[in-house]
Amino acid sequence: MTENSMQVEKDELMGPETEQTRDRRVFSPATDIYETDDEILLMVDLPGAKEDNVDITLEKDILSIDAIVEVDPPEGFSLRYAEYAVGDYHRKFRLAKLVDPESITAIFQDGVLKLTLAKSSFSHTRKIAIQAK
């Protein structure tokens, strides 16, 4: 990936796992980023989230991903002990100008959000032929 394609922003003081500014736990979801000459692919892990509770926005050059996780304990039971930490998800990415904002697509399946960001035609390298006079 070229250095200018995408910047991953993390709060280094709090660490990559949780954010402490909300009344409930918020995680920074693990994300894998792949790139070809034509597009960028983000694979974002959102375990426990449902498609209806995932929100993706693009404002200027900031791509934001938010997901709310609703926990429903089994009927008639109350939680006594938990090893699995439940919380919402929040992550931001700064996109380079080479991404075409109109071509972003999202697929959510099995707790994984797959975002495809096509690069604009202006981002491709093109050889310019010289014409003799």
C-alpha atoms as a PDB file:
ATOM      1  CA  MET A   1       0.000   0.000   0.000  1.00  0.00           C
ATOM      2  CA  THR A   2       1.296   3.440  -0.773  1.00  0.00           C
ATOM      3  CA  GLU A   3       1.855   5.631   2.241  1.00  0.00           C
ATOM      4  CA  ASN A   4      -0.784   8.142   1.126  1.00  0.00           C
ATOM      5  CA  SER A   5      -3.645   5.704   0.456  1.00  0.00           C
ATOM      6  CA  MET A   6      -5.076   5.556   3.946  1.00  0.00           C
ATOM      7  CA  GLN A   7      -4.074   6.674   7.402  1.00  0.00           C
ATOM      8  CA  VAL A   8      -5.126   4.579  10.370  1.00  0.00           C
ATOM      9  CA  GLU A   9      -5.839   6.763  13.365  1.00  0.00           C
ATOM     10  CA  LYS A  10      -5.584   5.344  16.874  1.00  0.00           C
ATOM     11  CA  ASP A  11      -5.557   6.924  20.297  1.00  0.00           C
ATOM     12  CA  GLU A  12      -2.127   5.780  21.415  1.00  0.00           C
ATOM     13  CA  LEU A  13      -2.720   6.861  25.037  1.00  0.00           C
ATOM     14  CA  MET A  14      -5.728   4.590  25.519  1.00  0.00           C
ATOM     15  CA  GLY A  15      -4.435   1.757  23.362  1.00  0.00           C
ATOM     16  CA  PRO A  16      -6.123   0.163  20.375  1.00  0.00           C
ATOM     17  CA  GLU A  17      -8.668  -1.927  22.311  1.00  0.00           C
ATOM     18  CA  THR A  18     -11.004   0.386  24.204  1.00  0.00           C
ATOM     19  CA  GLU A  19     -12.187   3.952  24.353  1.00  0.00           C
ATOM     20  CA  GLN A  20     -13.097   5.472  27.725  1.00  0.00           C
ATOM     21  CA  THR A  21     -15.209   8.486  26.701  1.00  0.00           C
ATOM     22  CA  ARG A  22     -18.643   6.816  26.704  1.00  0.00           C
ATOM     23  CA  ASP A  23     -20.867   5.363  29.406  1.00  0.00           C
ATOM     24  CA  ARG A  24     -20.282   1.850  28.082  1.00  0.00           C
ATOM     25  CA  ARG A  25     -17.246   0.053  26.720  1.00  0.00           C
ATOM     26  CA  VAL A  26     -16.259   0.912  23.124  1.00  0.00           C
ATOM     27  CA  PHE A  27     -13.705  -1.145  21.210  1.00  0.00           C
ATOM     28  CA  SER A  28     -11.562  -0.238  18.246  1.00  0.00           C
ATOM     29  CA  PRO A  29     -12.298  -3.184  15.954  1.00  0.00           C
ATOM     30  CA  ALA A  30      -9.438  -5.161  14.455  1.00  0.00           C
ATOM     31  CA  THR A  31      -9.093  -4.272  10.773  1.00  0.00           C
ATOM     32  CA  ASP A  32      -7.101  -5.776   7.927  1.00  0.00           C
ATOM     33  CA  ILE A  33      -6.398  -3.502   4.949  1.00  0.00           C
ATOM     34  CA  TYR A  34      -5.589  -4.855   1.495  1.00  0.00           C
ATOM     35  CA  GLU A  35      -4.772  -2.864  -1.630  1.00  0.00           C
ATOM     36  CA  THR A  36      -4.502  -3.374  -5.369  1.00  0.00           C
ATOM     37  CA  ASP A  37      -3.860  -0.834  -8.106  1.00  0.00           C
ATOM     38  CA  ASP A  38      -7.641  -0.316  -8.437  1.00  0.00           C
ATOM     39  CA  GLU A  39      -9.096  -0.549  -4.931  1.00  0.00           C
ATOM     40  CA  ILE A  40      -8.629  -0.758  -1.183  1.00  0.00           C
ATOM     41  CA  LEU A  41     -10.350  -3.480   0.839  1.00  0.00           C
ATOM     42  CA  LEU A  42     -11.036  -3.206   4.573  1.00  0.00           C
ATOM     43  CA  MET A  43     -12.021  -6.276   6.586  1.00  0.00           C
ATOM     44  CA  VAL A  44     -13.380  -5.056   9.936  1.00  0.00           C
ATOM     45  CA  ASP A  45     -14.171  -7.509  12.759  1.00  0.00           C
ATOM     46  CA  LEU A  46     -17.426  -6.601  14.551  1.00  0.00           C
ATOM     47  CA  PRO A  47     -18.339  -9.710  16.591  1.00  0.00           C
ATOM     48  CA  GLY A  48     -21.775  -9.529  18.166  1.00  0.00           C
ATOM     49  CA  ALA A  49     -22.949  -6.650  15.961  1.00  0.00           C
ATOM     50  CA  LYS A  50     -25.960  -6.963  13.696  1.00  0.00           C
ATOM     51  CA  GLU A  51     -26.224  -5.396  10.245  1.00  0.00           C
ATOM     52  CA  ASP A  52     -28.985  -2.999  11.372  1.00  0.00           C
ATOM     53  CA  ASN A  53     -26.720  -1.615  14.109  1.00  0.00           C
ATOM     54  CA  VAL A  54     -23.700  -0.858  11.915  1.00  0.00           C
ATOM     55  CA  ASP A  55     -23.288   2.732  10.713  1.00  0.00           C
ATOM     56  CA  ILE A  56     -20.729   3.783   8.104  1.00  0.00           C
ATOM     57  CA  THR A  57     -20.255   7.465   7.259  1.00  0.00           C
ATOM     58  CA  LEU A  58     -17.888   9.435   5.091  1.00  0.00           C
ATOM     59  CA  GLU A  59     -17.458  13.095   5.983  1.00  0.00           C
ATOM     60  CA  LYS A  60     -14.869  14.922   3.929  1.00  0.00           C
ATOM     61  CA  ASP A  61     -11.952  12.464   4.016  1.00  0.00           C
ATOM     62  CA  ILE A  62     -12.844  10.661   7.272  1.00  0.00           C
ATOM     63  CA  LEU A  63     -14.458   7.227   7.030  1.00  0.00           C
ATOM     64  CA  SER A  64     -16.174   6.326  10.324  1.00  0.00           C
ATOM     65  CA  ILE A  65     -17.440   2.916  11.347  1.00  0.00           C
ATOM     66  CA  ASP A  66     -19.729   2.576  14.372  1.00  0.00           C
ATOM     67  CA  ALA A  67     -21.557  -0.510  15.610  1.00  0.00           C
ATOM     68  CA  ILE A  68     -23.807  -1.016  18.607  1.00  0.00           C
ATOM     69  CA  VAL A  69     -23.882  -4.460  20.195  1.00  0.00           C
ATOM     70  CA  GLU A  70     -27.063  -5.467  22.002  1.00  0.00           C
ATOM     71  CA  VAL A  71     -26.703  -8.310  24.468  1.00  0.00           C
ATOM     72  CA  ASP A  72     -29.739 -10.424  25.253  1.00  0.00           C
ATOM     73  CA  PRO A  73     -29.146 -12.885  28.098  1.00  0.00           C
ATOM     74  CA  PRO A  74     -31.063 -16.152  27.899  1.00  0.00           C
ATOM     75  CA  GLU A  75     -34.643 -15.726  29.094  1.00  0.00           C
ATOM     76  CA  GLY A  76     -34.984 -16.172  32.850  1.00  0.00           C
ATOM     77  CA  PHE A  77     -31.238 -15.883  33.492  1.00  0.00           C
ATOM     78  CA  SER A  78     -29.081 -13.069  34.851  1.00  0.00           C
ATOM     79  CA  LEU A  79     -25.349 -12.725  34.258  1.00  0.00           C
ATOM     80  CA  ARG A  80     -23.202 -13.858  37.204  1.00  0.00           C
ATOM     81  CA  TYR A  81     -19.758 -14.110  35.581  1.00  0.00           C
ATOM     82  CA  ALA A  82     -18.414 -13.038  32.178  1.00  0.00           C
ATOM     83  CA  GLU A  83     -15.094 -13.602  30.440  1.00  0.00           C
ATOM     84  CA  TYR A  84     -16.224 -12.100  27.152  1.00  0.00           C
ATOM     85  CA  ALA A  85     -16.188  -8.298  27.223  1.00  0.00           C
ATOM     86  CA  VAL A  86     -19.147  -6.808  25.386  1.00  0.00           C
ATOM     87  CA  GLY A  87     -19.184  -3.292  23.988  1.00  0.00           C
ATOM     88  CA  ASP A  88     -19.778  -1.166  20.954  1.00  0.00           C
ATOM     89  CA  TYR A  89     -17.283  -0.453  18.175  1.00  0.00           C
ATOM     90  CA  HIS A  90     -15.859   2.775  16.791  1.00  0.00           C
ATOM     91  CA  ARG A  91     -13.090   3.295  14.244  1.00  0.00           C
ATOM     92  CA  LYS A  92     -12.011   6.124  11.927  1.00  0.00           C
ATOM     93  CA  PHE A  93      -9.816   6.141   8.840  1.00  0.00           C
ATOM     94  CA  ARG A  94      -8.488   9.140   6.931  1.00  0.00           C
ATOM     95  CA  LEU A  95      -8.799   8.486   3.199  1.00  0.00           C
ATOM     96  CA  ALA A  96      -6.507   9.885   0.569  1.00  0.00           C
ATOM     97  CA  LYS A  97      -7.972  11.928  -2.255  1.00  0.00           C
ATOM     98  CA  LEU A  98      -7.378   8.994  -4.598  1.00  0.00           C
ATOM     99  CA  VAL A  99     -10.454   7.141  -3.247  1.00  0.00           C
ATOM    100  CA  ASP A 100     -13.681   7.654  -5.195  1.00  0.00           C
ATOM    101  CA  PRO A 101     -16.252   8.391  -2.438  1.00  0.00           C
ATOM    102  CA  GLU A 102     -19.202   7.466  -4.677  1.00  0.00           C
ATOM    103  CA  SER A 103     -17.946   3.930  -5.267  1.00  0.00           C
ATOM    104  CA  ILE A 104     -17.622   2.680  -1.677  1.00  0.00           C
ATOM    105  CA  THR A 105     -19.510  -0.572  -1.092  1.00  0.00           C
ATOM    106  CA  ALA A 106     -20.155  -2.487   2.138  1.00  0.00           C
ATOM    107  CA  ILE A 107     -21.063  -6.106   2.856  1.00  0.00           C
ATOM    108  CA  PHE A 108     -21.690  -7.378   6.393  1.00  0.00           C
ATOM    109  CA  GLN A 109     -21.594 -11.126   6.985  1.00  0.00           C
ATOM    110  CA  ASP A 110     -20.840 -13.310  10.011  1.00  0.00           C
ATOM    111  CA  GLY A 111     -19.617 -10.389  12.124  1.00  0.00           C
ATOM    112  CA  VAL A 112     -17.195  -9.111   9.483  1.00  0.00           C
ATOM    113  CA  LEU A 113     -17.689  -5.843   7.593  1.00  0.00           C
ATOM    114  CA  LYS A 114     -16.105  -5.836   4.138  1.00  0.00           C
ATOM    115  CA  LEU A 115     -15.638  -2.338   2.709  1.00  0.00           C
ATOM    116  CA  THR A 116     -14.439  -1.914  -0.873  1.00  0.00           C
ATOM    117  CA  LEU A 117     -13.102   1.509  -1.790  1.00  0.00           C
ATOM    118  CA  ALA A 118     -12.425   1.993  -5.485  1.00  0.00           C
ATOM    119  CA  LYS A 119      -9.642   4.333  -6.436  1.00  0.00           C
ATOM    120  CA  SER A 120     -10.465   7.166  -8.775  1.00  0.00           C
ATOM    121  CA  SER A 121      -9.145   7.073 -12.322  1.00  0.00           C
ATOM    122  CA  PHE A 122      -6.878   9.995 -11.417  1.00  0.00           C
ATOM    123  CA  SER A 123      -4.901   7.770  -9.043  1.00  0.00           C
ATOM    124  CA  HIS A 124      -3.657   5.401 -11.770  1.00  0.00           C
ATOM    125  CA  THR A 125      -0.222   5.859 -13.258  1.00  0.00           C
ATOM    126  CA  ARG A 126      -0.410   6.617 -16.931  1.00  0.00           C
ATOM    127  CA  LYS A 127       2.384   6.859 -19.460  1.00  0.00           C
ATOM    128  CA  ILE A 128       2.099   9.914 -21.680  1.00  0.00           C
ATOM    129  CA  ALA A 129       3.242   9.411 -25.247  1.00  0.00           C
ATOM    130  CA  ILE A 130       5.312  12.138 -26.854  1.00  0.00           C
ATOM    131  CA  GLN A 131       4.236  13.099 -30.351  1.00  0.00           C
ATOM    132  CA  ALA A 132       6.840  14.127 -32.883  1.00  0.00           C
ATOM    133  CA  LYS A 133       6.227  17.294 -34.914  1.00  0.00           C
END
